[in-house]
Amino acid sequence: MLTFEKFSSSTALAVPPMDLSIWLESLWWDKKGDWQKAHDLIDHLQDAKSAHIHAYLHRKEKDLWNARYWYNRAKKEEFKGSLDDEWEELVKIHLF
């Protein structure tokens, strides 16, 4: 079973672990510093989980208007904590 600790430490690798969901793969690439790849993976998806990650990614790039739009689409409150805390929360949501 993939734990948060194992997932987080896997970002030291060159490629993501096999069999990740699209949401976890997006978060994996974001942690690697490849915002564009992370965004490209979920940009075309219409589900609430993708919208939530999409919101986080736009918040990270400081495009708050766009982030708020995606939080609304995800039916989630705008995250008020740090970006690291939001990343961790999103990973934990999608691991379980």
Protein backbone atom coordinates (compact mmCIF):
# COMPACT_ATOMS: atom_id res chain seq x y z
CA MET A 1 0.00 0.00 0.00
CA LEU A 2 1.27 3.45 -0.93
CA THR A 3 1.57 5.70 2.12
CA PHE A 4 1.99 9.46 2.20
CA GLU A 5 5.62 9.02 3.26
CA LYS A 6 6.37 6.61 0.39
CA PHE A 7 4.60 8.82 -2.12
CA SER A 8 6.37 11.93 -0.89
CA SER A 9 9.80 10.30 -0.95
CA SER A 10 9.14 8.94 -4.46
CA THR A 11 9.47 12.50 -5.77
CA ALA A 12 13.24 12.02 -5.49
CA LEU A 13 12.97 9.53 -8.38
CA ALA A 14 13.15 10.49 -12.07
CA VAL A 15 9.74 9.04 -12.94
CA PRO A 16 6.56 8.60 -10.91
CA PRO A 17 5.62 5.23 -9.44
CA MET A 18 3.56 3.02 -11.71
CA ASP A 19 -0.20 2.82 -11.35
CA LEU A 20 -0.75 6.28 -9.84
CA SER A 21 -4.12 7.86 -10.40
CA ILE A 22 -4.09 10.87 -12.71
CA TRP A 23 -4.61 13.09 -9.64
CA LEU A 24 -1.62 11.68 -7.75
CA GLU A 25 0.53 11.83 -10.86
CA SER A 26 -0.34 15.50 -11.25
CA LEU A 27 0.60 16.18 -7.63
CA TRP A 28 3.79 14.14 -8.07
CA TRP A 29 4.91 16.29 -11.03
CA ASP A 30 4.00 19.45 -9.14
CA LYS A 31 6.25 18.44 -6.25
CA LYS A 32 9.03 17.74 -8.79
CA GLY A 33 8.73 21.36 -9.89
CA ASP A 34 7.04 20.69 -13.22
CA TRP A 35 3.92 22.83 -12.79
CA GLN A 36 3.10 22.67 -16.49
CA LYS A 37 3.09 18.88 -16.65
CA ALA A 38 1.01 18.74 -13.46
CA HIS A 39 -1.48 21.18 -14.97
CA ASP A 40 -1.59 19.46 -18.36
CA LEU A 41 -2.59 16.17 -16.73
CA ILE A 42 -5.76 17.58 -15.18
CA ASP A 43 -6.56 20.65 -17.27
CA HIS A 44 -8.98 18.85 -19.60
CA LEU A 45 -10.76 16.84 -16.88
CA GLN A 46 -14.18 17.94 -15.64
CA ASP A 47 -14.57 16.06 -12.34
CA ALA A 48 -14.49 17.66 -8.88
CA LYS A 49 -11.23 15.97 -7.85
CA SER A 50 -9.44 17.43 -10.86
CA ALA A 51 -11.00 20.84 -10.23
CA HIS A 52 -9.66 20.78 -6.67
CA ILE A 53 -6.11 20.08 -7.84
CA HIS A 54 -6.56 22.62 -10.63
CA ALA A 55 -7.47 25.22 -7.97
CA TYR A 56 -4.36 24.40 -5.96
CA LEU A 57 -2.14 24.68 -9.04
CA HIS A 58 -3.52 28.11 -9.96
CA ARG A 59 -3.18 29.24 -6.35
CA LYS A 60 0.43 28.14 -6.51
CA GLU A 61 1.05 30.29 -9.56
CA LYS A 62 -0.63 33.19 -7.72
CA ASP A 63 -3.54 33.34 -10.19
CA LEU A 64 -6.07 33.72 -7.38
CA TRP A 65 -9.05 34.63 -9.56
CA ASN A 66 -8.57 31.43 -11.56
CA ALA A 67 -7.93 29.41 -8.39
CA ARG A 68 -11.19 30.65 -6.88
CA TYR A 69 -13.05 29.66 -10.04
CA TRP A 70 -11.69 26.09 -9.71
CA TYR A 71 -12.36 25.89 -5.96
CA ASN A 72 -15.94 26.80 -6.80
CA ARG A 73 -16.10 24.11 -9.51
CA ALA A 74 -14.74 21.61 -6.98
CA LYS A 75 -17.29 22.80 -4.40
CA LYS A 76 -14.43 23.42 -1.96
CA GLU A 77 -13.56 26.36 0.23
CA GLU A 78 -10.45 28.26 -0.78
CA PHE A 79 -7.52 26.78 1.15
CA LYS A 80 -6.10 29.29 3.64
CA GLY A 81 -2.99 27.41 4.79
CA SER A 82 0.38 27.06 3.12
CA LEU A 83 0.83 25.55 -0.32
CA ASP A 84 2.80 22.68 1.26
CA ASP A 85 -0.08 21.96 3.62
CA GLU A 86 -2.57 22.00 0.77
CA TRP A 87 -0.37 19.67 -1.31
CA GLU A 88 -0.15 17.25 1.61
CA GLU A 89 -3.91 17.36 2.17
CA LEU A 90 -4.60 16.72 -1.51
CA VAL A 91 -2.19 13.79 -1.61
CA LYS A 92 -3.76 12.24 1.46
CA ILE A 93 -7.25 12.67 0.00
CA HIS A 94 -6.23 10.87 -3.18
CA LEU A 95 -4.22 8.11 -1.50
CA PHE A 96 -7.28 6.83 0.36
